[in-house]
Amino acid sequence: MTAAAIRSAAEAGAALAVRAEPAPGREFRIEVEFDAAHLAAASRLYRLSNGSECLRAAYTADSAYRLIRTFKTVTTMAAAAVEANYG
């Protein structure tokens, strides 16, 4: 492989790296299952909760970015609800 071939392949790959707008009307969903009901209840305090079963909380978002941020918020809330001396 020559330097010219590597450069050509790198330029072709870089040309594909463009920012695209998200597809309109797409909805992303995540459902988180916990091992204790009080953790699921704590995570459902987040305003975007769609409710769910006793040990689960479900969330939807209009972008993957927002869904990831929601997941981080929900898991942080659940972690804060863990009892210090469990059992």
PDB file of N, CA and C in Angstrom:
ATOM      1  N   MET A   1       0.852  -1.167   0.000  1.00  0.00           N
ATOM      2  CA  MET A   1       0.000   0.000   0.000  1.00  0.00           C
ATOM      3  C   MET A   1       0.898   1.229   0.000  1.00  0.00           C
ATOM      4  N   THR A   2       0.610   2.137  -0.887  1.00  0.00           N
ATOM      5  CA  THR A   2       1.424   3.341  -1.001  1.00  0.00           C
ATOM      6  C   THR A   2       0.794   4.495  -0.248  1.00  0.00           C
ATOM      7  N   ALA A   3       1.563   5.513  -0.029  1.00  0.00           N
ATOM      8  CA  ALA A   3       1.052   6.711   0.649  1.00  0.00           C
ATOM      9  C   ALA A   3      -0.087   7.338  -0.149  1.00  0.00           C
ATOM     10  N   ALA A   4       0.023   7.313  -1.466  1.00  0.00           N
ATOM     11  CA  ALA A   4      -1.031   7.887  -2.310  1.00  0.00           C
ATOM     12  C   ALA A   4      -2.341   7.109  -2.157  1.00  0.00           C
ATOM     13  N   ALA A   5      -2.250   5.787  -2.073  1.00  0.00           N
ATOM     14  CA  ALA A   5      -3.457   4.970  -1.900  1.00  0.00           C
ATOM     15  C   ALA A   5      -4.091   5.227  -0.532  1.00  0.00           C
ATOM     16  N   ILE A   6      -3.259   5.363   0.486  1.00  0.00           N
ATOM     17  CA  ILE A   6      -3.779   5.651   1.827  1.00  0.00           C
ATOM     18  C   ILE A   6      -4.437   7.025   1.849  1.00  0.00           C
ATOM     19  N   ARG A   7      -3.782   8.012   1.254  1.00  0.00           N
ATOM     20  CA  ARG A   7      -4.342   9.361   1.203  1.00  0.00           C
ATOM     21  C   ARG A   7      -5.672   9.373   0.453  1.00  0.00           C
ATOM     22  N   SER A   8      -5.736   8.669  -0.664  1.00  0.00           N
ATOM     23  CA  SER A   8      -6.964   8.603  -1.459  1.00  0.00           C
ATOM     24  C   SER A   8      -8.099   7.965  -0.665  1.00  0.00           C
ATOM     25  N   ALA A   9      -7.801   6.879   0.041  1.00  0.00           N
ATOM     26  CA  ALA A   9      -8.827   6.210   0.854  1.00  0.00           C
ATOM     27  C   ALA A   9      -9.273   7.103   2.006  1.00  0.00           C
ATOM     28  N   ALA A  10      -8.340   7.828   2.611  1.00  0.00           N
ATOM     29  CA  ALA A  10      -8.679   8.735   3.707  1.00  0.00           C
ATOM     30  C   ALA A  10      -9.562   9.881   3.218  1.00  0.00           C
ATOM     31  N   GLU A  11      -9.254  10.425   2.053  1.00  0.00           N
ATOM     32  CA  GLU A  11     -10.070  11.505   1.487  1.00  0.00           C
ATOM     33  C   GLU A  11     -11.471  11.016   1.150  1.00  0.00           C
ATOM     34  N   ALA A  12     -11.572   9.802   0.609  1.00  0.00           N
ATOM     35  CA  ALA A  12     -12.886   9.235   0.286  1.00  0.00           C
ATOM     36  C   ALA A  12     -13.699   9.017   1.559  1.00  0.00           C
ATOM     37  N   GLY A  13     -13.059   8.539   2.607  1.00  0.00           N
ATOM     38  CA  GLY A  13     -13.759   8.341   3.883  1.00  0.00           C
ATOM     39  C   GLY A  13     -14.182   9.645   4.511  1.00  0.00           C
ATOM     40  N   ALA A  14     -13.322  10.656   4.447  1.00  0.00           N
ATOM     41  CA  ALA A  14     -13.642  11.965   5.022  1.00  0.00           C
ATOM     42  C   ALA A  14     -14.814  12.609   4.293  1.00  0.00           C
ATOM     43  N   ALA A  15     -14.933  12.371   2.992  1.00  0.00           N
ATOM     44  CA  ALA A  15     -16.038  12.940   2.221  1.00  0.00           C
ATOM     45  C   ALA A  15     -17.388  12.380   2.677  1.00  0.00           C
ATOM     46  N   LEU A  16     -17.381  11.185   3.232  1.00  0.00           N
ATOM     47  CA  LEU A  16     -18.630  10.569   3.713  1.00  0.00           C
ATOM     48  C   LEU A  16     -19.051  11.098   5.090  1.00  0.00           C
ATOM     49  N   ALA A  17     -18.144  11.744   5.786  1.00  0.00           N
ATOM     50  CA  ALA A  17     -18.407  12.204   7.156  1.00  0.00           C
ATOM     51  C   ALA A  17     -19.073  13.575   7.132  1.00  0.00           C
ATOM     52  N   VAL A  18     -20.342  13.602   6.881  1.00  0.00           N
ATOM     53  CA  VAL A  18     -21.101  14.851   6.874  1.00  0.00           C
ATOM     54  C   VAL A  18     -22.213  14.756   7.918  1.00  0.00           C
ATOM     55  N   ARG A  19     -22.594  15.882   8.444  1.00  0.00           N
ATOM     56  CA  ARG A  19     -23.670  15.923   9.427  1.00  0.00           C
ATOM     57  C   ARG A  19     -24.999  15.884   8.697  1.00  0.00           C
ATOM     58  N   ALA A  20     -25.852  14.981   9.093  1.00  0.00           N
ATOM     59  CA  ALA A  20     -27.181  14.862   8.490  1.00  0.00           C
ATOM     60  C   ALA A  20     -28.229  15.173   9.548  1.00  0.00           C
ATOM     61  N   GLU A  21     -29.268  15.807   9.148  1.00  0.00           N
ATOM     62  CA  GLU A  21     -30.376  16.095  10.059  1.00  0.00           C
ATOM     63  C   GLU A  21     -31.122  14.790  10.361  1.00  0.00           C
ATOM     64  N   PRO A  22     -31.665  14.675  11.587  1.00  0.00           N
ATOM     65  CA  PRO A  22     -32.401  13.460  11.917  1.00  0.00           C
ATOM     66  C   PRO A  22     -33.650  13.316  11.057  1.00  0.00           C
ATOM     67  N   ALA A  23     -34.048  12.104  10.860  1.00  0.00           N
ATOM     68  CA  ALA A  23     -35.261  11.838  10.089  1.00  0.00           C
ATOM     69  C   ALA A  23     -36.470  12.397  10.842  1.00  0.00           C
ATOM     70  N   PRO A  24     -37.324  13.152  10.182  1.00  0.00           N
ATOM     71  CA  PRO A  24     -38.479  13.735  10.872  1.00  0.00           C
ATOM     72  C   PRO A  24     -39.481  12.661  11.287  1.00  0.00           C
ATOM     73  N   GLY A  25     -40.084  12.875  12.434  1.00  0.00           N
ATOM     74  CA  GLY A  25     -41.118  11.969  12.901  1.00  0.00           C
ATOM     75  C   GLY A  25     -40.608  10.689  13.535  1.00  0.00           C
ATOM     76  N   ARG A  26     -39.329  10.554  13.687  1.00  0.00           N
ATOM     77  CA  ARG A  26     -38.757   9.346  14.296  1.00  0.00           C
ATOM     78  C   ARG A  26     -38.826   9.467  15.802  1.00  0.00           C
ATOM     79  N   GLU A  27     -39.167   8.375  16.458  1.00  0.00           N
ATOM     80  CA  GLU A  27     -39.232   8.370  17.911  1.00  0.00           C
ATOM     81  C   GLU A  27     -38.339   7.250  18.434  1.00  0.00           C
ATOM     82  N   PHE A  28     -37.557   7.563  19.456  1.00  0.00           N
ATOM     83  CA  PHE A  28     -36.670   6.595  20.077  1.00  0.00           C
ATOM     84  C   PHE A  28     -37.240   6.228  21.434  1.00  0.00           C
ATOM     85  N   ARG A  29     -37.116   4.974  21.817  1.00  0.00           N
ATOM     86  CA  ARG A  29     -37.690   4.502  23.074  1.00  0.00           C
ATOM     87  C   ARG A  29     -36.676   3.653  23.823  1.00  0.00           C
ATOM     88  N   ILE A  30     -36.679   3.824  25.131  1.00  0.00           N
ATOM     89  CA  ILE A  30     -35.846   2.990  25.993  1.00  0.00           C
ATOM     90  C   ILE A  30     -36.679   2.569  27.187  1.00  0.00           C
ATOM     91  N   GLU A  31     -36.483   1.338  27.603  1.00  0.00           N
ATOM     92  CA  GLU A  31     -37.148   0.821  28.788  1.00  0.00           C
ATOM     93  C   GLU A  31     -36.058   0.286  29.709  1.00  0.00           C
ATOM     94  N   VAL A  32     -36.045   0.783  30.940  1.00  0.00           N
ATOM     95  CA  VAL A  32     -35.027   0.410  31.906  1.00  0.00           C
ATOM     96  C   VAL A  32     -35.663  -0.488  32.960  1.00  0.00           C
ATOM     97  N   GLU A  33     -35.036  -1.623  33.218  1.00  0.00           N
ATOM     98  CA  GLU A  33     -35.530  -2.549  34.240  1.00  0.00           C
ATOM     99  C   GLU A  33     -34.587  -2.509  35.441  1.00  0.00           C
ATOM    100  N   PHE A  34     -35.159  -2.319  36.618  1.00  0.00           N
ATOM    101  CA  PHE A  34     -34.395  -2.234  37.857  1.00  0.00           C
ATOM    102  C   PHE A  34     -34.590  -3.495  38.678  1.00  0.00           C
ATOM    103  N   ASP A  35     -33.746  -3.682  39.691  1.00  0.00           N
ATOM    104  CA  ASP A  35     -33.872  -4.857  40.554  1.00  0.00           C
ATOM    105  C   ASP A  35     -34.636  -4.562  41.835  1.00  0.00           C
ATOM    106  N   ALA A  36     -35.129  -3.329  41.982  1.00  0.00           N
ATOM    107  CA  ALA A  36     -35.928  -2.967  43.155  1.00  0.00           C
ATOM    108  C   ALA A  36     -36.978  -1.944  42.728  1.00  0.00           C
ATOM    109  N   ALA A  37     -38.171  -2.098  43.253  1.00  0.00           N
ATOM    110  CA  ALA A  37     -39.285  -1.237  42.854  1.00  0.00           C
ATOM    111  C   ALA A  37     -39.035   0.224  43.205  1.00  0.00           C
ATOM    112  N   HIS A  38     -38.370   0.491  44.335  1.00  0.00           N
ATOM    113  CA  HIS A  38     -38.169   1.894  44.714  1.00  0.00           C
ATOM    114  C   HIS A  38     -37.203   2.602  43.757  1.00  0.00           C
ATOM    115  N   LEU A  39     -36.312   1.865  43.110  1.00  0.00           N
ATOM    116  CA  LEU A  39     -35.420   2.479  42.129  1.00  0.00           C
ATOM    117  C   LEU A  39     -36.192   2.858  40.865  1.00  0.00           C
ATOM    118  N   ALA A  40     -37.087   1.991  40.446  1.00  0.00           N
ATOM    119  CA  ALA A  40     -37.930   2.303  39.292  1.00  0.00           C
ATOM    120  C   ALA A  40     -38.832   3.489  39.611  1.00  0.00           C
ATOM    121  N   ALA A  41     -39.371   3.519  40.822  1.00  0.00           N
ATOM    122  CA  ALA A  41     -40.237   4.638  41.224  1.00  0.00           C
ATOM    123  C   ALA A  41     -39.446   5.942  41.234  1.00  0.00           C
ATOM    124  N   ALA A  42     -38.224   5.909  41.733  1.00  0.00           N
ATOM    125  CA  ALA A  42     -37.395   7.118  41.753  1.00  0.00           C
ATOM    126  C   ALA A  42     -37.099   7.596  40.339  1.00  0.00           C
ATOM    127  N   SER A  43     -36.843   6.676  39.431  1.00  0.00           N
ATOM    128  CA  SER A  43     -36.528   7.080  38.061  1.00  0.00           C
ATOM    129  C   SER A  43     -37.762   7.614  37.341  1.00  0.00           C
ATOM    130  N   ARG A  44     -38.942   7.158  37.736  1.00  0.00           N
ATOM    131  CA  ARG A  44     -40.164   7.645  37.100  1.00  0.00           C
ATOM    132  C   ARG A  44     -40.542   9.050  37.550  1.00  0.00           C
ATOM    133  N   LEU A  45     -39.828   9.609  38.510  1.00  0.00           N
ATOM    134  CA  LEU A  45     -40.059  10.998  38.901  1.00  0.00           C
ATOM    135  C   LEU A  45     -39.614  11.961  37.803  1.00  0.00           C
ATOM    136  N   TYR A  46     -38.747  11.476  36.935  1.00  0.00           N
ATOM    137  CA  TYR A  46     -38.295  12.302  35.817  1.00  0.00           C
ATOM    138  C   TYR A  46     -39.490  12.609  34.929  1.00  0.00           C
ATOM    139  N   ARG A  47     -39.596  13.824  34.503  1.00  0.00           N
ATOM    140  CA  ARG A  47     -40.808  14.315  33.831  1.00  0.00           C
ATOM    141  C   ARG A  47     -41.173  13.613  32.536  1.00  0.00           C
ATOM    142  N   LEU A  48     -40.253  12.935  31.900  1.00  0.00           N
ATOM    143  CA  LEU A  48     -40.558  12.293  30.619  1.00  0.00           C
ATOM    144  C   LEU A  48     -40.986  10.837  30.738  1.00  0.00           C
ATOM    145  N   SER A  49     -41.210  10.369  31.950  1.00  0.00           N
ATOM    146  CA  SER A  49     -41.547   8.967  32.136  1.00  0.00           C
ATOM    147  C   SER A  49     -42.890   8.627  31.500  1.00  0.00           C
ATOM    148  N   ASN A  50     -42.935   7.481  30.855  1.00  0.00           N
ATOM    149  CA  ASN A  50     -44.176   6.975  30.281  1.00  0.00           C
ATOM    150  C   ASN A  50     -44.786   5.904  31.178  1.00  0.00           C
ATOM    151  N   GLY A  51     -44.335   5.860  32.429  1.00  0.00           N
ATOM    152  CA  GLY A  51     -44.819   4.825  33.330  1.00  0.00           C
ATOM    153  C   GLY A  51     -44.307   3.473  32.890  1.00  0.00           C
ATOM    154  N   SER A  52     -44.809   2.448  33.464  1.00  0.00           N
ATOM    155  CA  SER A  52     -44.476   1.091  33.060  1.00  0.00           C
ATOM    156  C   SER A  52     -44.790   0.163  34.211  1.00  0.00           C
ATOM    157  N   GLU A  53     -44.224  -1.031  34.186  1.00  0.00           N
ATOM    158  CA  GLU A  53     -44.475  -2.010  35.234  1.00  0.00           C
ATOM    159  C   GLU A  53     -43.747  -1.622  36.518  1.00  0.00           C
ATOM    160  N   CYS A  54     -43.903  -2.431  37.544  1.00  0.00           N
ATOM    161  CA  CYS A  54     -43.342  -2.157  38.862  1.00  0.00           C
ATOM    162  C   CYS A  54     -41.831  -1.952  38.849  1.00  0.00           C
ATOM    163  N   LEU A  55     -41.103  -2.779  38.115  1.00  0.00           N
ATOM    164  CA  LEU A  55     -39.647  -2.695  38.113  1.00  0.00           C
ATOM    165  C   LEU A  55     -39.088  -2.002  36.872  1.00  0.00           C
ATOM    166  N   ARG A  56     -39.943  -1.440  36.045  1.00  0.00           N
ATOM    167  CA  ARG A  56     -39.496  -0.835  34.790  1.00  0.00           C
ATOM    168  C   ARG A  56     -39.969   0.601  34.658  1.00  0.00           C
ATOM    169  N   ALA A  57     -39.208   1.350  33.911  1.00  0.00           N
ATOM    170  CA  ALA A  57     -39.588   2.710  33.546  1.00  0.00           C
ATOM    171  C   ALA A  57     -39.293   2.874  32.061  1.00  0.00           C
ATOM    172  N   ALA A  58     -40.185   3.499  31.344  1.00  0.00           N
ATOM    173  CA  ALA A  58     -40.038   3.651  29.899  1.00  0.00           C
ATOM    174  C   ALA A  58     -39.988   5.131  29.536  1.00  0.00           C
ATOM    175  N   TYR A  59     -39.175   5.440  28.519  1.00  0.00           N
ATOM    176  CA  TYR A  59     -38.998   6.809  28.079  1.00  0.00           C
ATOM    177  C   TYR A  59     -38.921   6.849  26.564  1.00  0.00           C
ATOM    178  N   THR A  60     -39.398   7.942  25.990  1.00  0.00           N
ATOM    179  CA  THR A  60     -39.273   8.167  24.555  1.00  0.00           C
ATOM    180  C   THR A  60     -38.657   9.542  24.335  1.00  0.00           C
ATOM    181  N   ALA A  61     -38.028   9.705  23.194  1.00  0.00           N
ATOM    182  CA  ALA A  61     -37.425  10.987  22.831  1.00  0.00           C
ATOM    183  C   ALA A  61     -37.444  11.116  21.316  1.00  0.00           C
ATOM    184  N   ASP A  62     -37.312  12.348  20.848  1.00  0.00           N
ATOM    185  CA  ASP A  62     -37.340  12.581  19.408  1.00  0.00           C
ATOM    186  C   ASP A  62     -35.966  12.489  18.752  1.00  0.00           C
ATOM    187  N   SER A  63     -34.926  12.276  19.563  1.00  0.00           N
ATOM    188  CA  SER A  63     -33.587  12.091  18.992  1.00  0.00           C
ATOM    189  C   SER A  63     -32.797  11.129  19.877  1.00  0.00           C
ATOM    190  N   ALA A  64     -31.820  10.488  19.285  1.00  0.00           N
ATOM    191  CA  ALA A  64     -30.971   9.567  20.048  1.00  0.00           C
ATOM    192  C   ALA A  64     -30.185  10.338  21.103  1.00  0.00           C
ATOM    193  N   TYR A  65     -29.777  11.554  20.778  1.00  0.00           N
ATOM    194  CA  TYR A  65     -29.044  12.383  21.742  1.00  0.00           C
ATOM    195  C   TYR A  65     -29.882  12.626  22.992  1.00  0.00           C
ATOM    196  N   ARG A  66     -31.127  13.020  22.807  1.00  0.00           N
ATOM    197  CA  ARG A  66     -32.005  13.255  23.962  1.00  0.00           C
ATOM    198  C   ARG A  66     -32.275  11.972  24.726  1.00  0.00           C
ATOM    199  N   LEU A  67     -32.380  10.869  24.026  1.00  0.00           N
ATOM    200  CA  LEU A  67     -32.618   9.600  24.696  1.00  0.00           C
ATOM    201  C   LEU A  67     -31.414   9.212  25.559  1.00  0.00           C
ATOM    202  N   ILE A  68     -30.218   9.431  25.066  1.00  0.00           N
ATOM    203  CA  ILE A  68     -29.017   9.140  25.854  1.00  0.00           C
ATOM    204  C   ILE A  68     -28.958  10.034  27.080  1.00  0.00           C
ATOM    205  N   ARG A  69     -29.274  11.311  26.912  1.00  0.00           N
ATOM    206  CA  ARG A  69     -29.290  12.231  28.056  1.00  0.00           C
ATOM    207  C   ARG A  69     -30.353  11.819  29.070  1.00  0.00           C
ATOM    208  N   THR A  70     -31.501  11.380  28.592  1.00  0.00           N
ATOM    209  CA  THR A  70     -32.559  10.907  29.481  1.00  0.00           C
ATOM    210  C   THR A  70     -32.097   9.679  30.245  1.00  0.00           C
ATOM    211  N   PHE A  71     -31.459   8.742  29.556  1.00  0.00           N
ATOM    212  CA  PHE A  71     -30.959   7.535  30.211  1.00  0.00           C
ATOM    213  C   PHE A  71     -29.975   7.890  31.321  1.00  0.00           C
ATOM    214  N   LYS A  72     -29.078   8.823  31.048  1.00  0.00           N
ATOM    215  CA  LYS A  72     -28.107   9.241  32.057  1.00  0.00           C
ATOM    216  C   LYS A  72     -28.814   9.863  33.264  1.00  0.00           C
ATOM    217  N   THR A  73     -29.802  10.696  33.023  1.00  0.00           N
ATOM    218  CA  THR A  73     -30.555  11.319  34.114  1.00  0.00           C
ATOM    219  C   THR A  73     -31.286  10.277  34.941  1.00  0.00           C
ATOM    220  N   VAL A  74     -31.942   9.349  34.278  1.00  0.00           N
ATOM    221  CA  VAL A  74     -32.717   8.318  34.964  1.00  0.00           C
ATOM    222  C   VAL A  74     -31.820   7.422  35.805  1.00  0.00           C
ATOM    223  N   THR A  75     -30.697   7.010  35.258  1.00  0.00           N
ATOM    224  CA  THR A  75     -29.815   6.133  36.023  1.00  0.00           C
ATOM    225  C   THR A  75     -29.154   6.880  37.180  1.00  0.00           C
ATOM    226  N   THR A  76     -28.901   8.161  37.020  1.00  0.00           N
ATOM    227  CA  THR A  76     -28.363   8.960  38.124  1.00  0.00           C
ATOM    228  C   THR A  76     -29.389   9.087  39.240  1.00  0.00           C
ATOM    229  N   MET A  77     -30.651   9.298  38.877  1.00  0.00           N
ATOM    230  CA  MET A  77     -31.713   9.385  39.889  1.00  0.00           C
ATOM    231  C   MET A  77     -31.874   8.061  40.626  1.00  0.00           C
ATOM    232  N   ALA A  78     -31.815   6.970  39.899  1.00  0.00           N
ATOM    233  CA  ALA A  78     -31.940   5.654  40.532  1.00  0.00           C
ATOM    234  C   ALA A  78     -30.744   5.386  41.454  1.00  0.00           C
ATOM    235  N   ALA A  79     -29.548   5.772  41.013  1.00  0.00           N
ATOM    236  CA  ALA A  79     -28.350   5.556  41.842  1.00  0.00           C
ATOM    237  C   ALA A  79     -28.449   6.349  43.142  1.00  0.00           C
ATOM    238  N   ALA A  80     -29.045   7.518  43.079  1.00  0.00           N
ATOM    239  CA  ALA A  80     -29.197   8.338  44.287  1.00  0.00           C
ATOM    240  C   ALA A  80     -30.216   7.732  45.244  1.00  0.00           C
ATOM    241  N   ALA A  81     -31.088   6.864  44.747  1.00  0.00           N
ATOM    242  CA  ALA A  81     -32.128   6.272  45.571  1.00  0.00           C
ATOM    243  C   ALA A  81     -31.684   4.954  46.224  1.00  0.00           C
ATOM    244  N   VAL A  82     -30.471   4.499  45.907  1.00  0.00           N
ATOM    245  CA  VAL A  82     -29.966   3.264  46.489  1.00  0.00           C
ATOM    246  C   VAL A  82     -29.698   3.497  47.981  1.00  0.00           C
ATOM    247  N   GLU A  83     -30.162   2.570  48.789  1.00  0.00           N
ATOM    248  CA  GLU A  83     -29.951   2.681  50.235  1.00  0.00           C
ATOM    249  C   GLU A  83     -28.488   2.382  50.577  1.00  0.00           C
ATOM    250  N   ALA A  84     -27.962   3.115  51.519  1.00  0.00           N
ATOM    251  CA  ALA A  84     -26.549   2.931  51.901  1.00  0.00           C
ATOM    252  C   ALA A  84     -26.286   1.544  52.487  1.00  0.00           C
ATOM    253  N   ASN A  85     -27.177   1.077  53.314  1.00  0.00           N
ATOM    254  CA  ASN A  85     -27.024  -0.248  53.945  1.00  0.00           C
ATOM    255  C   ASN A  85     -28.152  -1.139  53.473  1.00  0.00           C
ATOM    256  N   TYR A  86     -27.983  -1.698  52.298  1.00  0.00           N
ATOM    257  CA  TYR A  86     -29.027  -2.544  51.726  1.00  0.00           C
ATOM    258  C   TYR A  86     -28.944  -3.938  52.330  1.00  0.00           C
ATOM    259  N   GLY A  87     -30.111  -4.466  52.747  1.00  0.00           N
ATOM    260  CA  GLY A  87     -30.170  -5.843  53.213  1.00  0.00           C
ATOM    261  C   GLY A  87     -30.142  -5.960  54.638  1.00  0.00           C
TER     262      GLY A  87
END
